[in-house]
Structures are given as structure tokens and as C-alpha cells.
């Protein structure tokens, strides 16, 4: 199978420092001998902040660009260490134009398919250091990017790993997790509010990414990445919120 694994800032760099223990735990869950993986990784800006000695998330776009440039190299160095002896990793930094231009989109598909054919694990992030549209929310902390990517590579699964157990709806005093969403409604989106302190996404952007990917025939799950078996349990529908594919893909 071909899987896209999106890892949010809240998992990769909680508080701004790269959490290598958490990242290693996630990499160890990958069945690299059986499946193809693409990792969509947030966390560059957060990790760059700490390395530059910044106490708070930058408010200006140029400062965010600088943090992204510094943090991205730290992020890739971490991934190279985590996959050392297991798989070769490759870095791709993408922007909205890579999905809207037919020529660039085809080039992107060709590059990704060739990397996967060679047994490489592509590690993908927004090109925050130069493409400022992403910094002001075009991709929502890589959520929408992961949905577009899953469609581009005809993935079987998209797993959106975050720091909550899934999508919750009001249920008296205790909110209730929704285990399966077959159709996303405006009412569901209206229940979402807030973003993480360091990330730029939120549950609304995850729902939209899940909707787009599932409508393209991809199995999608929003899962708590802190669960000890987040990836296999999410695929087995034991945890998280599941979005079945709309075209009957099994």
C-alpha cells in the first residue's frame, strides 16, 4: 500500500524543540518492508524559533521565513538520523503553485513516483522560506497539502496525526468522538475553533483535507499521534475518526 503520513507541529516540536523520542516512536511504527510511505512534516518554523533564541512565535512574515529556513535543515537532519540504516529520505518543499500549474503538477507526480520506485521515503513540507502564501494559511499547517498530495500520488491511506483523539461533537457535559464521517457538513465545520500555539492548522483544516482526499478515493483517519500504535491502530479503525473513500476503494 501507499500511505501519506502527516505529522503536525504539536507532535514534532511541542514547545518549539524537536521531539526526537516522539518522532522515533512514529517511524518505528512504519512497516517499511511492505508499504510505501510519504511523510508530510510540519515543525520547521517552531524548531527554527528555538534555534534562533526566539521566545514567541514571530508575527511578521520575514521572521517566519527565517525561522522556516533554519528549522527545515534541523528537521531534515533529524529525519536522516531516524531513517539511517532503514531507508534513504528525500526532501521536497512544495507550494500552492505545484498543485495549480498542470506542468508543475505532472513534474511533481513524476518525481514522487520515481522516488517511491527507488525505495526512498519523501519528506515533504511547505516551502515556507520563499512561498509566503503558505505562511498566511494557504495549507493550514500542511493539512490541505497532505490531502492534495495523497490525491496526486493515488495513495491508499492518509493519516493525519495530531495531539487530539479525533473529531468531537457536543454531547452534554462530555464531548463525544465521531468514529466515522461519511459526509462532512457545514455544521461539523462550524464546531471547529482554535489552532495550536505553534502550528497554523486546526480541526477545520484537517476535516477539509480529509474530505478532499476521501472524495478522491483515499482512506483517511484523524488520529492522536501520541498513541503508542497510532499508525496501525488508525488504519485498523480502532482509534481516531475515519473517512471512508467515496469510490469504493478497499
C-alpha atoms as a PDB file:
ATOM      1  CA  UNK A   1       0.000   0.000   0.000  1.00  0.00           C
ATOM      2  CA  UNK A   2       0.946   3.631  -0.429  1.00  0.00           C
ATOM      3  CA  UNK A   3       0.479   5.804   2.650  1.00  0.00           C
ATOM      4  CA  UNK A   4       0.773   9.535   3.312  1.00  0.00           C
ATOM      5  CA  UNK A   5       1.569  10.275   6.965  1.00  0.00           C
ATOM      6  CA  UNK A   6       1.060  13.884   8.037  1.00  0.00           C
ATOM      7  CA  UNK A   7       2.703  14.831  11.339  1.00  0.00           C
ATOM      8  CA  UNK A   8       1.671  18.106  12.937  1.00  0.00           C
ATOM      9  CA  UNK A   9       3.767  20.705  14.722  1.00  0.00           C
ATOM     10  CA  UNK A  10       2.240  19.774  18.082  1.00  0.00           C
ATOM     11  CA  UNK A  11       3.842  16.323  17.768  1.00  0.00           C
ATOM     12  CA  UNK A  12       7.142  17.209  16.127  1.00  0.00           C
ATOM     13  CA  UNK A  13       8.096  20.308  18.074  1.00  0.00           C
ATOM     14  CA  UNK A  14       5.921  20.809  21.169  1.00  0.00           C
ATOM     15  CA  UNK A  15       7.131  23.988  22.808  1.00  0.00           C
ATOM     16  CA  UNK A  16       9.407  24.595  19.811  1.00  0.00           C
ATOM     17  CA  UNK A  17      12.009  21.872  20.440  1.00  0.00           C
ATOM     18  CA  UNK A  18      12.082  18.867  18.089  1.00  0.00           C
ATOM     19  CA  UNK A  19      10.830  15.821  19.996  1.00  0.00           C
ATOM     20  CA  UNK A  20      13.105  13.100  18.616  1.00  0.00           C
ATOM     21  CA  UNK A  21      11.681  10.491  21.001  1.00  0.00           C
ATOM     22  CA  UNK A  22       8.162  11.029  19.667  1.00  0.00           C
ATOM     23  CA  UNK A  23       9.367  11.099  16.065  1.00  0.00           C
ATOM     24  CA  UNK A  24      11.334   7.873  16.528  1.00  0.00           C
ATOM     25  CA  UNK A  25       8.275   6.198  18.022  1.00  0.00           C
ATOM     26  CA  UNK A  26       6.293   7.130  14.904  1.00  0.00           C
ATOM     27  CA  UNK A  27       8.999   5.998  12.472  1.00  0.00           C
ATOM     28  CA  UNK A  28       9.231   2.675  14.319  1.00  0.00           C
ATOM     29  CA  UNK A  29       5.537   2.091  13.518  1.00  0.00           C
ATOM     30  CA  UNK A  30       6.158   2.183   9.770  1.00  0.00           C
ATOM     31  CA  UNK A  31       6.192  -1.205   8.044  1.00  0.00           C
ATOM     32  CA  UNK A  32       8.923  -0.195   5.618  1.00  0.00           C
ATOM     33  CA  UNK A  33       9.333  -3.665   4.115  1.00  0.00           C
ATOM     34  CA  UNK A  34       5.694  -3.851   2.989  1.00  0.00           C
ATOM     35  CA  UNK A  35       4.431  -0.355   2.253  1.00  0.00           C
ATOM     36  CA  UNK A  36       5.441   2.883   0.538  1.00  0.00           C
ATOM     37  CA  UNK A  37       5.419   5.991   2.726  1.00  0.00           C
ATOM     38  CA  UNK A  38       5.391   9.729   2.127  1.00  0.00           C
ATOM     39  CA  UNK A  39       5.839  11.867   5.251  1.00  0.00           C
ATOM     40  CA  UNK A  40       4.326  15.348   5.328  1.00  0.00           C
ATOM     41  CA  UNK A  41       6.169  17.036   8.140  1.00  0.00           C
ATOM     42  CA  UNK A  42       5.396  20.310   9.881  1.00  0.00           C
ATOM     43  CA  UNK A  43       7.580  21.820  12.603  1.00  0.00           C
ATOM     44  CA  UNK A  44      10.212  23.813  10.692  1.00  0.00           C
ATOM     45  CA  UNK A  45       9.169  27.225  11.991  1.00  0.00           C
ATOM     46  CA  UNK A  46       8.792  26.003  15.571  1.00  0.00           C
ATOM     47  CA  UNK A  47      12.202  24.323  15.618  1.00  0.00           C
ATOM     48  CA  UNK A  48      13.807  27.323  13.931  1.00  0.00           C
ATOM     49  CA  UNK A  49      12.417  29.613  16.627  1.00  0.00           C
ATOM     50  CA  UNK A  50      14.227  27.748  19.395  1.00  0.00           C
ATOM     51  CA  UNK A  51      17.488  27.584  17.447  1.00  0.00           C
ATOM     52  CA  UNK A  52      17.340  31.344  16.891  1.00  0.00           C
ATOM     53  CA  UNK A  53      16.530  32.025  20.538  1.00  0.00           C
ATOM     54  CA  UNK A  54      13.052  33.434  19.914  1.00  0.00           C
ATOM     55  CA  UNK A  55      10.650  33.111  22.851  1.00  0.00           C
ATOM     56  CA  UNK A  56       7.395  33.643  20.944  1.00  0.00           C
ATOM     57  CA  UNK A  57       6.083  32.740  17.508  1.00  0.00           C
ATOM     58  CA  UNK A  58       7.051  35.515  15.044  1.00  0.00           C
ATOM     59  CA  UNK A  59       4.281  37.845  13.958  1.00  0.00           C
ATOM     60  CA  UNK A  60       5.985  39.074  10.787  1.00  0.00           C
ATOM     61  CA  UNK A  61       6.266  37.044   7.585  1.00  0.00           C
ATOM     62  CA  UNK A  62      10.029  37.713   7.106  1.00  0.00           C
ATOM     63  CA  UNK A  63      10.752  36.389  10.596  1.00  0.00           C
ATOM     64  CA  UNK A  64       8.670  33.290   9.921  1.00  0.00           C
ATOM     65  CA  UNK A  65      10.587  32.802   6.662  1.00  0.00           C
ATOM     66  CA  UNK A  66      13.885  32.987   8.551  1.00  0.00           C
ATOM     67  CA  UNK A  67      12.679  30.504  11.176  1.00  0.00           C
ATOM     68  CA  UNK A  68      11.484  28.127   8.463  1.00  0.00           C
ATOM     69  CA  UNK A  69      14.834  28.237   6.649  1.00  0.00           C
ATOM     70  CA  UNK A  70      16.774  27.467   9.833  1.00  0.00           C
ATOM     71  CA  UNK A  71      14.316  24.913  11.160  1.00  0.00           C
ATOM     72  CA  UNK A  72      13.947  22.968   7.912  1.00  0.00           C
ATOM     73  CA  UNK A  73      17.597  21.913   7.891  1.00  0.00           C
ATOM     74  CA  UNK A  74      17.289  20.786  11.526  1.00  0.00           C
ATOM     75  CA  UNK A  75      14.149  18.848  10.658  1.00  0.00           C
ATOM     76  CA  UNK A  76      15.730  17.015   7.725  1.00  0.00           C
ATOM     77  CA  UNK A  77      18.832  16.186   9.745  1.00  0.00           C
ATOM     78  CA  UNK A  78      16.552  14.575  12.326  1.00  0.00           C
ATOM     79  CA  UNK A  79      14.726  12.522   9.677  1.00  0.00           C
ATOM     80  CA  UNK A  80      18.020  11.359   8.162  1.00  0.00           C
ATOM     81  CA  UNK A  81      19.100  10.111  11.589  1.00  0.00           C
ATOM     82  CA  UNK A  82      15.759   8.396  12.267  1.00  0.00           C
ATOM     83  CA  UNK A  83      15.769   6.530   8.946  1.00  0.00           C
ATOM     84  CA  UNK A  84      19.500   5.776   8.946  1.00  0.00           C
ATOM     85  CA  UNK A  85      20.087   2.138   8.030  1.00  0.00           C
ATOM     86  CA  UNK A  86      16.430   1.703   7.092  1.00  0.00           C
ATOM     87  CA  UNK A  87      15.598   3.953   4.145  1.00  0.00           C
ATOM     88  CA  UNK A  88      17.002   6.852   2.152  1.00  0.00           C
ATOM     89  CA  UNK A  89      14.998  10.032   2.664  1.00  0.00           C
ATOM     90  CA  UNK A  90      14.449  12.904   0.231  1.00  0.00           C
ATOM     91  CA  UNK A  91      13.310  16.468   0.878  1.00  0.00           C
ATOM     92  CA  UNK A  92      10.615  18.173  -1.192  1.00  0.00           C
ATOM     93  CA  UNK A  93       9.463  21.703  -0.401  1.00  0.00           C
ATOM     94  CA  UNK A  94       6.188  22.480  -2.141  1.00  0.00           C
ATOM     95  CA  UNK A  95       3.982  25.498  -2.722  1.00  0.00           C
ATOM     96  CA  UNK A  96       0.430  26.013  -3.912  1.00  0.00           C
ATOM     97  CA  UNK A  97       1.713  26.566  -7.461  1.00  0.00           C
ATOM     98  CA  UNK A  98       2.920  22.959  -7.611  1.00  0.00           C
ATOM     99  CA  UNK A  99      -0.720  21.848  -7.480  1.00  0.00           C
ATOM    100  CA  UNK A 100      -2.328  24.544  -9.643  1.00  0.00           C
ATOM    101  CA  UNK A 101       0.084  24.507 -12.598  1.00  0.00           C
ATOM    102  CA  UNK A 102      -0.536  21.441 -14.822  1.00  0.00           C
ATOM    103  CA  UNK A 103       3.131  21.257 -15.840  1.00  0.00           C
ATOM    104  CA  UNK A 104       4.464  21.538 -12.301  1.00  0.00           C
ATOM    105  CA  UNK A 105       1.847  19.093 -11.045  1.00  0.00           C
ATOM    106  CA  UNK A 106       2.927  16.481 -13.584  1.00  0.00           C
ATOM    107  CA  UNK A 107       6.590  17.075 -12.733  1.00  0.00           C
ATOM    108  CA  UNK A 108       5.759  16.626  -9.048  1.00  0.00           C
ATOM    109  CA  UNK A 109       3.966  13.339  -9.728  1.00  0.00           C
ATOM    110  CA  UNK A 110       6.861  12.080 -11.847  1.00  0.00           C
ATOM    111  CA  UNK A 111       9.437  12.932  -9.177  1.00  0.00           C
ATOM    112  CA  UNK A 112       7.444  11.339  -6.358  1.00  0.00           C
ATOM    113  CA  UNK A 113       6.679   8.170  -8.308  1.00  0.00           C
ATOM    114  CA  UNK A 114      10.349   7.748  -9.213  1.00  0.00           C
ATOM    115  CA  UNK A 115      11.451   8.261  -5.599  1.00  0.00           C
ATOM    116  CA  UNK A 116       8.955   5.676  -4.390  1.00  0.00           C
ATOM    117  CA  UNK A 117      10.058   3.261  -7.126  1.00  0.00           C
ATOM    118  CA  UNK A 118      13.633   3.643  -5.826  1.00  0.00           C
ATOM    119  CA  UNK A 119      12.521   2.842  -2.280  1.00  0.00           C
ATOM    120  CA  UNK A 120      13.022   6.377  -0.985  1.00  0.00           C
ATOM    121  CA  UNK A 121      10.839   7.997   1.686  1.00  0.00           C
ATOM    122  CA  UNK A 122       9.940  11.541   0.546  1.00  0.00           C
ATOM    123  CA  UNK A 123       9.712  14.040   3.420  1.00  0.00           C
ATOM    124  CA  UNK A 124       7.517  16.926   2.323  1.00  0.00           C
ATOM    125  CA  UNK A 125       6.876  20.354   3.781  1.00  0.00           C
ATOM    126  CA  UNK A 126       5.578  23.710   2.634  1.00  0.00           C
ATOM    127  CA  UNK A 127       8.196  25.948   1.074  1.00  0.00           C
ATOM    128  CA  UNK A 128       7.776  28.481   3.870  1.00  0.00           C
ATOM    129  CA  UNK A 129      11.082  30.253   3.371  1.00  0.00           C
ATOM    130  CA  UNK A 130      10.092  31.649  -0.045  1.00  0.00           C
ATOM    131  CA  UNK A 131       6.394  30.964  -0.672  1.00  0.00           C
ATOM    132  CA  UNK A 132       4.781  33.346   1.787  1.00  0.00           C
ATOM    133  CA  UNK A 133       1.202  32.453   0.814  1.00  0.00           C
ATOM    134  CA  UNK A 134       1.628  29.261   2.820  1.00  0.00           C
ATOM    135  CA  UNK A 135       2.714  31.273   5.857  1.00  0.00           C
ATOM    136  CA  UNK A 136      -0.592  33.122   5.887  1.00  0.00           C
ATOM    137  CA  UNK A 137      -2.644  29.959   5.832  1.00  0.00           C
ATOM    138  CA  UNK A 138      -2.892  28.534   2.309  1.00  0.00           C
ATOM    139  CA  UNK A 139      -2.234  24.981   3.512  1.00  0.00           C
ATOM    140  CA  UNK A 140      -3.253  25.147   7.195  1.00  0.00           C
ATOM    141  CA  UNK A 141      -0.129  23.654   8.800  1.00  0.00           C
ATOM    142  CA  UNK A 142       0.245  21.124   5.967  1.00  0.00           C
ATOM    143  CA  UNK A 143      -3.234  19.613   6.379  1.00  0.00           C
ATOM    144  CA  UNK A 144      -4.521  20.644   2.956  1.00  0.00           C
ATOM    145  CA  UNK A 145      -1.094  19.923   1.461  1.00  0.00           C
ATOM    146  CA  UNK A 146      -1.280  16.325   2.691  1.00  0.00           C
ATOM    147  CA  UNK A 147      -4.754  15.915   1.202  1.00  0.00           C
ATOM    148  CA  UNK A 148      -3.610  17.214  -2.185  1.00  0.00           C
ATOM    149  CA  UNK A 149      -0.519  15.037  -2.040  1.00  0.00           C
ATOM    150  CA  UNK A 150      -2.490  11.882  -1.247  1.00  0.00           C
ATOM    151  CA  UNK A 151      -4.576  12.534  -4.355  1.00  0.00           C
ATOM    152  CA  UNK A 152      -1.526  13.326  -6.515  1.00  0.00           C
ATOM    153  CA  UNK A 153       0.192  10.024  -5.723  1.00  0.00           C
ATOM    154  CA  UNK A 154      -3.017   7.945  -5.702  1.00  0.00           C
ATOM    155  CA  UNK A 155      -2.406   6.947  -2.074  1.00  0.00           C
ATOM    156  CA  UNK A 156      -4.385   4.218  -0.356  1.00  0.00           C
ATOM    157  CA  UNK A 157      -4.300   5.958   3.019  1.00  0.00           C
ATOM    158  CA  UNK A 158      -3.867   9.422   4.500  1.00  0.00           C
ATOM    159  CA  UNK A 159      -3.224   9.529   8.242  1.00  0.00           C
ATOM    160  CA  UNK A 160      -3.467  12.976   9.844  1.00  0.00           C
ATOM    161  CA  UNK A 161      -1.551  12.684  13.107  1.00  0.00           C
ATOM    162  CA  UNK A 162      -2.324  15.338  15.711  1.00  0.00           C
ATOM    163  CA  UNK A 163      -2.473  15.778  19.504  1.00  0.00           C
ATOM    164  CA  UNK A 164      -6.206  15.040  19.939  1.00  0.00           C
ATOM    165  CA  UNK A 165      -8.088  11.755  19.635  1.00  0.00           C
ATOM    166  CA  UNK A 166     -10.206  12.767  16.628  1.00  0.00           C
ATOM    167  CA  UNK A 167     -13.207  14.935  15.800  1.00  0.00           C
ATOM    168  CA  UNK A 168     -15.520  15.647  18.724  1.00  0.00           C
ATOM    169  CA  UNK A 169     -19.129  16.861  18.814  1.00  0.00           C
ATOM    170  CA  UNK A 170     -21.064  18.231  21.813  1.00  0.00           C
ATOM    171  CA  UNK A 171     -22.708  15.576  23.960  1.00  0.00           C
ATOM    172  CA  UNK A 172     -23.924  17.093  27.203  1.00  0.00           C
ATOM    173  CA  UNK A 173     -21.070  17.663  29.636  1.00  0.00           C
ATOM    174  CA  UNK A 174     -18.650  15.358  27.819  1.00  0.00           C
ATOM    175  CA  UNK A 175     -17.973  15.786  24.087  1.00  0.00           C
ATOM    176  CA  UNK A 176     -18.266  12.616  22.013  1.00  0.00           C
ATOM    177  CA  UNK A 177     -15.764  11.495  19.401  1.00  0.00           C
ATOM    178  CA  UNK A 178     -17.171  10.776  15.937  1.00  0.00           C
ATOM    179  CA  UNK A 179     -15.730   7.470  14.757  1.00  0.00           C
ATOM    180  CA  UNK A 180     -16.810   7.658  11.105  1.00  0.00           C
ATOM    181  CA  UNK A 181     -17.670  10.626   8.884  1.00  0.00           C
ATOM    182  CA  UNK A 182     -19.161   9.715   5.533  1.00  0.00           C
ATOM    183  CA  UNK A 183     -20.138  13.259   4.614  1.00  0.00           C
ATOM    184  CA  UNK A 184     -18.649  16.454   6.018  1.00  0.00           C
ATOM    185  CA  UNK A 185     -21.288  19.100   6.710  1.00  0.00           C
ATOM    186  CA  UNK A 186     -21.131  22.835   7.311  1.00  0.00           C
ATOM    187  CA  UNK A 187     -22.471  22.177  10.807  1.00  0.00           C
ATOM    188  CA  UNK A 188     -19.483  19.944  11.572  1.00  0.00           C
ATOM    189  CA  UNK A 189     -17.045  22.586  10.362  1.00  0.00           C
ATOM    190  CA  UNK A 190     -18.812  25.199  12.491  1.00  0.00           C
ATOM    191  CA  UNK A 191     -17.948  23.184  15.610  1.00  0.00           C
ATOM    192  CA  UNK A 192     -14.220  23.704  14.995  1.00  0.00           C
ATOM    193  CA  UNK A 193     -12.341  26.576  16.520  1.00  0.00           C
ATOM    194  CA  UNK A 194      -8.832  27.353  17.594  1.00  0.00           C
ATOM    195  CA  UNK A 195      -5.358  26.421  16.398  1.00  0.00           C
ATOM    196  CA  UNK A 196      -2.284  25.111  18.158  1.00  0.00           C
ATOM    197  CA  UNK A 197       0.106  27.623  19.676  1.00  0.00           C
ATOM    198  CA  UNK A 198       2.900  26.954  17.194  1.00  0.00           C
ATOM    199  CA  UNK A 199       1.090  25.354  14.252  1.00  0.00           C
ATOM    200  CA  UNK A 200      -1.168  27.044  11.711  1.00  0.00           C
ATOM    201  CA  UNK A 201      -3.779  24.342  11.366  1.00  0.00           C
ATOM    202  CA  UNK A 202      -6.710  23.206  13.433  1.00  0.00           C
ATOM    203  CA  UNK A 203      -9.501  20.650  13.220  1.00  0.00           C
ATOM    204  CA  UNK A 204     -11.290  22.551  10.455  1.00  0.00           C
ATOM    205  CA  UNK A 205      -8.318  22.285   8.095  1.00  0.00           C
ATOM    206  CA  UNK A 206      -7.982  18.570   8.925  1.00  0.00           C
ATOM    207  CA  UNK A 207     -11.648  17.970   8.124  1.00  0.00           C
ATOM    208  CA  UNK A 208     -11.285  19.750   4.800  1.00  0.00           C
ATOM    209  CA  UNK A 209      -8.155  17.774   3.923  1.00  0.00           C
ATOM    210  CA  UNK A 210      -9.926  14.542   4.847  1.00  0.00           C
ATOM    211  CA  UNK A 211     -12.923  15.487   2.724  1.00  0.00           C
ATOM    212  CA  UNK A 212     -10.801  16.253  -0.331  1.00  0.00           C
ATOM    213  CA  UNK A 213      -8.745  13.074  -0.065  1.00  0.00           C
ATOM    214  CA  UNK A 214     -11.673  10.742   0.676  1.00  0.00           C
ATOM    215  CA  UNK A 215     -13.579  12.157  -2.296  1.00  0.00           C
ATOM    216  CA  UNK A 216     -10.568  11.165  -4.419  1.00  0.00           C
ATOM    217  CA  UNK A 217     -10.773   7.566  -3.227  1.00  0.00           C
ATOM    218  CA  UNK A 218      -8.353   7.681  -0.282  1.00  0.00           C
ATOM    219  CA  UNK A 219      -8.969   6.160   3.153  1.00  0.00           C
ATOM    220  CA  UNK A 220      -8.421   8.918   5.737  1.00  0.00           C
ATOM    221  CA  UNK A 221      -8.106   8.930   9.513  1.00  0.00           C
ATOM    222  CA  UNK A 222      -7.509  11.732  12.019  1.00  0.00           C
ATOM    223  CA  UNK A 223      -5.554  10.094  14.824  1.00  0.00           C
ATOM    224  CA  UNK A 224      -3.770  11.053  18.039  1.00  0.00           C
ATOM    225  CA  UNK A 225      -0.087  10.641  17.192  1.00  0.00           C
ATOM    226  CA  UNK A 226       0.765  10.168  20.867  1.00  0.00           C
ATOM    227  CA  UNK A 227      -0.976   6.795  20.901  1.00  0.00           C
ATOM    228  CA  UNK A 228       1.678   4.035  21.111  1.00  0.00           C
ATOM    229  CA  UNK A 229       0.362   2.397  17.922  1.00  0.00           C
ATOM    230  CA  UNK A 230      -1.194   5.432  16.248  1.00  0.00           C
ATOM    231  CA  UNK A 231      -0.471   4.413  12.665  1.00  0.00           C
ATOM    232  CA  UNK A 232      -1.517   0.730  12.621  1.00  0.00           C
ATOM    233  CA  UNK A 233      -4.439   1.326  15.021  1.00  0.00           C
ATOM    234  CA  UNK A 234      -5.670   4.222  12.897  1.00  0.00           C
ATOM    235  CA  UNK A 235      -5.647   2.040   9.801  1.00  0.00           C
ATOM    236  CA  UNK A 236      -7.480  -0.709  11.678  1.00  0.00           C
ATOM    237  CA  UNK A 237     -10.077   1.909  12.723  1.00  0.00           C
ATOM    238  CA  UNK A 238      -9.523   1.148  16.387  1.00  0.00           C
ATOM    239  CA  UNK A 239      -8.827   4.799  17.218  1.00  0.00           C
ATOM    240  CA  UNK A 240      -9.460   8.219  15.685  1.00  0.00           C
ATOM    241  CA  UNK A 241     -12.038   9.488  13.203  1.00  0.00           C
ATOM    242  CA  UNK A 242     -12.294   7.613   9.905  1.00  0.00           C
ATOM    243  CA  UNK A 243     -13.369   8.943   6.484  1.00  0.00           C
ATOM    244  CA  UNK A 244     -14.192   6.143   4.014  1.00  0.00           C
ATOM    245  CA  UNK A 245     -13.253   6.636   0.341  1.00  0.00           C
ATOM    246  CA  UNK A 246     -16.101   7.703  -1.912  1.00  0.00           C
ATOM    247  CA  UNK A 247     -15.287   5.498  -4.864  1.00  0.00           C
ATOM    248  CA  UNK A 248     -15.467   2.135  -3.116  1.00  0.00           C
ATOM    249  CA  UNK A 249     -11.693   1.651  -2.833  1.00  0.00           C
ATOM    250  CA  UNK A 250     -10.953  -1.208  -0.428  1.00  0.00           C
END
